[in-house]
């Protein structure tokens, strides 16, 4: 399959050097040296693909907690349609983002470590979610609504937590206030999702999972809520998260 970016530059890769990483409902992901190649399945809807207009914002975000995006590509079907529109005098340059369908994307590769967040120090959790809160504020300031924020869409390593799948992010028409609150709530959902990923290691995992899922449900998340503070206020008397979730009723 031949892929081209919006400047008609072809993606040059050697298929034999692609290392399969994983596969979801929407795409398959390969490692290519220090990069990650994501190829969407043909039947994946546009809503589940990285949007060109979102990519154009995210590519300029330089943050240790967010994957570095390099380029987006489409296969020849897009360009055949483009040629047709030009020939019929129907093409408008300002509609380019609406026409362009992302079939493939290239980003930085982030290695993962066997991080068990329930057994990590509280400092690891607080520092990462303090940084993530700042990152999500950047998303909000750019009018981006985050979605599908969960354990499967991030990488954990000794350096921190990295968001690696912005496919369901979109530019929102909602107020900045509403988008900020939504994004902050997603951070709490991410914490719960990461913690629940490890509960199977404990005998009373059912109760622990219930405690995790109910964590900070009573919190009144506002536009100026400090997520790290809310977490620290709950976990301030324990050394690691599991100590709290084992005792919490």
Protein backbone atom coordinates (compact mmCIF):
# COMPACT_ATOMS: atom_id res chain seq x y z
CA UNK A 1 0.00 0.00 0.00
CA UNK A 2 1.38 3.39 -1.00
CA UNK A 3 0.74 6.32 1.35
CA UNK A 4 1.15 10.03 0.64
CA UNK A 5 0.96 13.09 2.86
CA UNK A 6 -0.84 16.29 1.95
CA UNK A 7 2.26 17.59 0.20
CA UNK A 8 2.19 14.50 -2.05
CA UNK A 9 5.33 13.11 -0.45
CA UNK A 10 5.30 9.34 -0.34
CA UNK A 11 5.89 7.48 2.91
CA UNK A 12 9.08 5.48 2.39
CA UNK A 13 9.36 2.43 4.61
CA UNK A 14 10.78 -1.06 4.32
CA UNK A 15 7.99 -3.47 5.17
CA UNK A 16 10.42 -6.17 6.22
CA UNK A 17 11.66 -3.94 9.04
CA UNK A 18 8.20 -3.39 10.55
CA UNK A 19 7.80 -4.99 13.98
CA UNK A 20 4.19 -5.77 14.95
CA UNK A 21 3.21 -4.20 18.29
CA UNK A 22 -0.53 -4.60 18.67
CA UNK A 23 -3.90 -4.46 16.96
CA UNK A 24 -7.23 -3.00 18.05
CA UNK A 25 -10.66 -2.62 16.52
CA UNK A 26 -9.61 0.30 14.33
CA UNK A 27 -5.98 -0.18 13.36
CA UNK A 28 -2.80 -2.21 13.57
CA UNK A 29 0.37 -0.72 15.00
CA UNK A 30 3.98 -1.43 14.09
CA UNK A 31 7.32 -0.30 15.40
CA UNK A 32 9.68 1.04 12.76
CA UNK A 33 12.97 1.78 14.48
CA UNK A 34 12.37 4.77 16.76
CA UNK A 35 8.95 5.41 15.18
CA UNK A 36 5.46 3.94 15.34
CA UNK A 37 3.39 3.31 12.21
CA UNK A 38 -0.36 3.03 12.60
CA UNK A 39 -2.45 1.68 9.71
CA UNK A 40 -6.23 2.01 9.97
CA UNK A 41 -8.48 -0.75 8.71
CA UNK A 42 -10.47 0.19 5.58
CA UNK A 43 -13.81 -0.03 7.42
CA UNK A 44 -12.69 2.21 10.30
CA UNK A 45 -14.94 5.27 10.39
CA UNK A 46 -13.58 8.80 10.25
CA UNK A 47 -14.64 9.36 13.87
CA UNK A 48 -12.14 6.72 14.99
CA UNK A 49 -9.24 8.07 12.92
CA UNK A 50 -6.88 10.92 13.74
CA UNK A 51 -8.44 14.07 12.28
CA UNK A 52 -6.24 16.28 10.06
CA UNK A 53 -7.37 19.48 11.78
CA UNK A 54 -6.60 17.97 15.21
CA UNK A 55 -3.25 16.64 13.99
CA UNK A 56 -2.28 20.13 12.79
CA UNK A 57 -2.62 21.34 16.39
CA UNK A 58 -1.22 18.33 18.22
CA UNK A 59 1.92 18.07 16.09
CA UNK A 60 3.16 21.34 17.61
CA UNK A 61 2.70 20.23 21.22
CA UNK A 62 6.09 19.39 22.70
CA UNK A 63 5.34 17.65 25.98
CA UNK A 64 6.94 14.64 27.70
CA UNK A 65 3.50 13.23 28.51
CA UNK A 66 2.22 13.30 24.95
CA UNK A 67 3.46 11.33 21.96
CA UNK A 68 5.34 13.25 19.30
CA UNK A 69 3.35 13.16 16.07
CA UNK A 70 5.28 13.30 12.80
CA UNK A 71 2.94 12.97 9.84
CA UNK A 72 -0.39 11.70 8.53
CA UNK A 73 -0.93 9.94 5.21
CA UNK A 74 -3.68 8.79 2.92
CA UNK A 75 -3.65 6.07 0.28
CA UNK A 76 -4.19 6.63 -3.44
CA UNK A 77 -7.99 6.61 -3.11
CA UNK A 78 -7.88 10.12 -1.66
CA UNK A 79 -5.78 11.49 -4.45
CA UNK A 80 -7.90 9.83 -7.11
CA UNK A 81 -10.91 11.58 -5.57
CA UNK A 82 -8.99 14.84 -5.45
CA UNK A 83 -8.13 14.59 -9.14
CA UNK A 84 -11.79 13.93 -9.90
CA UNK A 85 -12.89 17.02 -7.95
CA UNK A 86 -10.30 19.21 -9.64
CA UNK A 87 -11.34 17.97 -13.07
CA UNK A 88 -14.98 18.71 -12.26
CA UNK A 89 -14.04 22.13 -10.87
CA UNK A 90 -15.51 21.13 -7.51
CA UNK A 91 -12.38 21.31 -5.39
CA UNK A 92 -11.96 24.06 -2.80
CA UNK A 93 -8.65 24.32 -0.99
CA UNK A 94 -10.29 25.23 2.32
CA UNK A 95 -12.13 21.89 2.24
CA UNK A 96 -8.89 19.91 2.18
CA UNK A 97 -9.09 18.78 5.81
CA UNK A 98 -12.65 17.56 5.33
CA UNK A 99 -11.70 15.54 2.27
CA UNK A 100 -8.41 14.10 3.50
CA UNK A 101 -8.90 10.78 5.25
CA UNK A 102 -6.05 9.62 7.45
CA UNK A 103 -5.21 6.03 6.51
CA UNK A 104 -1.83 5.95 8.19
CA UNK A 105 0.11 7.97 10.77
CA UNK A 106 3.72 8.16 11.90
CA UNK A 107 4.77 9.05 15.44
CA UNK A 108 7.56 8.60 17.96
CA UNK A 109 7.97 5.19 19.62
CA UNK A 110 7.79 5.08 23.42
CA UNK A 111 9.00 1.95 25.24
CA UNK A 112 6.98 0.69 28.18
CA UNK A 113 8.22 -0.62 31.52
CA UNK A 114 6.48 -3.09 33.84
CA UNK A 115 5.02 -0.32 35.99
CA UNK A 116 2.53 -1.52 38.62
CA UNK A 117 0.94 1.79 39.54
CA UNK A 118 -0.83 0.43 42.63
CA UNK A 119 2.58 -0.48 44.04
CA UNK A 120 4.36 2.70 42.92
CA UNK A 121 5.06 5.54 45.31
CA UNK A 122 2.44 8.24 45.71
CA UNK A 123 5.01 10.68 44.33
CA UNK A 124 5.01 8.84 40.97
CA UNK A 125 1.24 9.16 40.74
CA UNK A 126 1.04 12.78 41.86
CA UNK A 127 3.90 14.04 39.71
CA UNK A 128 2.53 12.36 36.59
CA UNK A 129 -1.01 13.59 37.09
CA UNK A 130 0.24 17.08 37.87
CA UNK A 131 2.02 17.05 34.51
CA UNK A 132 -0.95 15.46 32.75
CA UNK A 133 -3.25 18.12 34.17
CA UNK A 134 -1.01 20.77 32.60
CA UNK A 135 -0.99 18.87 29.31
CA UNK A 136 -4.78 18.59 29.26
CA UNK A 137 -4.98 22.33 29.91
CA UNK A 138 -2.98 22.79 26.72
CA UNK A 139 -5.48 20.62 24.88
CA UNK A 140 -8.32 22.69 26.31
CA UNK A 141 -6.68 26.00 25.43
CA UNK A 142 -6.59 24.78 21.84
CA UNK A 143 -10.27 23.82 21.92
CA UNK A 144 -9.56 20.08 21.88
CA UNK A 145 -11.92 17.70 23.64
CA UNK A 146 -10.23 14.47 24.70
CA UNK A 147 -11.97 11.11 24.55
CA UNK A 148 -11.08 7.42 24.83
CA UNK A 149 -8.61 8.22 27.63
CA UNK A 150 -7.77 4.85 29.16
CA UNK A 151 -4.96 2.47 30.09
CA UNK A 152 -4.72 0.94 26.62
CA UNK A 153 -4.06 4.34 25.09
CA UNK A 154 -1.07 5.34 27.16
CA UNK A 155 2.42 4.07 27.89
CA UNK A 156 3.81 3.75 31.42
CA UNK A 157 7.54 3.78 32.05
CA UNK A 158 9.98 4.96 34.67
CA UNK A 159 10.00 8.40 33.07
CA UNK A 160 6.25 8.84 33.37
CA UNK A 161 2.90 8.36 31.65
CA UNK A 162 2.58 9.15 27.94
CA UNK A 163 -0.71 9.58 26.06
CA UNK A 164 -0.23 7.77 22.75
CA UNK A 165 -3.64 7.60 21.07
CA UNK A 166 -5.41 10.88 20.19
CA UNK A 167 -7.60 9.29 17.49
CA UNK A 168 -10.83 10.23 19.26
CA UNK A 169 -9.78 13.79 20.09
CA UNK A 170 -11.79 16.46 18.32
CA UNK A 171 -12.12 20.21 18.09
CA UNK A 172 -15.12 21.04 20.23
CA UNK A 173 -17.76 23.70 19.72
CA UNK A 174 -18.50 23.68 23.45
CA UNK A 175 -17.32 26.47 25.72
CA UNK A 176 -13.74 26.36 26.97
CA UNK A 177 -15.13 25.97 30.48
CA UNK A 178 -17.12 22.86 29.57
CA UNK A 179 -14.23 21.35 27.61
CA UNK A 180 -11.82 21.93 30.51
CA UNK A 181 -14.14 20.24 33.00
CA UNK A 182 -14.67 17.32 30.60
CA UNK A 183 -10.92 16.90 30.10
CA UNK A 184 -10.21 17.01 33.82
CA UNK A 185 -12.82 14.31 34.44
CA UNK A 186 -11.09 12.22 31.81
CA UNK A 187 -7.88 12.43 33.86
CA UNK A 188 -9.62 10.83 36.81
CA UNK A 189 -11.02 8.17 34.51
CA UNK A 190 -7.47 7.51 33.28
CA UNK A 191 -6.19 7.04 36.82
CA UNK A 192 -8.95 4.54 37.56
CA UNK A 193 -8.35 2.70 34.29
CA UNK A 194 -4.62 2.37 34.99
CA UNK A 195 -5.20 1.19 38.55
CA UNK A 196 -7.86 -1.36 37.51
CA UNK A 197 -5.40 -2.86 35.05
CA UNK A 198 -3.47 -4.38 37.97
CA UNK A 199 -6.20 -5.42 40.41
CA UNK A 200 -6.11 -9.04 39.27
CA UNK A 201 -2.88 -9.46 41.21
CA UNK A 202 -4.73 -9.32 44.55
CA UNK A 203 -6.94 -11.87 46.28
CA UNK A 204 -9.76 -9.43 47.07
CA UNK A 205 -9.55 -7.81 43.64
CA UNK A 206 -13.32 -7.40 43.35
CA UNK A 207 -13.55 -5.10 46.37
CA UNK A 208 -10.40 -3.25 45.39
CA UNK A 209 -11.78 -2.65 41.91
CA UNK A 210 -15.05 -1.30 43.37
CA UNK A 211 -13.04 1.06 45.57
CA UNK A 212 -11.01 2.26 42.59
CA UNK A 213 -14.07 2.84 40.42
CA UNK A 214 -15.67 4.88 43.20
CA UNK A 215 -12.55 6.93 43.83
CA UNK A 216 -13.27 10.69 43.91
CA UNK A 217 -16.79 10.17 42.57
CA UNK A 218 -17.89 12.76 45.09
CA UNK A 219 -15.39 15.34 43.82
CA UNK A 220 -16.97 18.45 42.34
CA UNK A 221 -14.75 18.95 39.30
CA UNK A 222 -14.65 22.57 38.24
CA UNK A 223 -12.74 24.54 35.64
CA UNK A 224 -9.95 25.36 38.10
CA UNK A 225 -9.80 22.02 39.92
CA UNK A 226 -6.25 20.83 40.64
CA UNK A 227 -6.47 17.11 39.85
CA UNK A 228 -3.17 16.25 41.56
CA UNK A 229 -4.34 18.02 44.72
CA UNK A 230 -7.63 16.10 44.71
CA UNK A 231 -5.71 12.84 44.42
CA UNK A 232 -3.13 13.77 47.07
CA UNK A 233 -5.84 14.85 49.48
CA UNK A 234 -7.21 11.30 49.40
CA UNK A 235 -3.91 9.45 49.38
CA UNK A 236 -1.92 11.67 51.76
CA UNK A 237 -1.70 9.09 54.55
CA UNK A 238 -0.44 6.15 52.48
CA UNK A 239 2.85 5.39 50.74
CA UNK A 240 1.36 3.71 47.68
CA UNK A 241 -2.13 3.60 46.13
CA UNK A 242 -2.89 -0.02 47.02
CA UNK A 243 -2.65 0.83 50.74
CA UNK A 244 -5.61 3.19 50.32
CA UNK A 245 -7.77 1.01 48.10
CA UNK A 246 -7.40 -1.99 50.43
CA UNK A 247 -8.73 -0.06 53.43
CA UNK A 248 -11.18 2.34 51.79
CA UNK A 249 -14.82 1.43 52.43
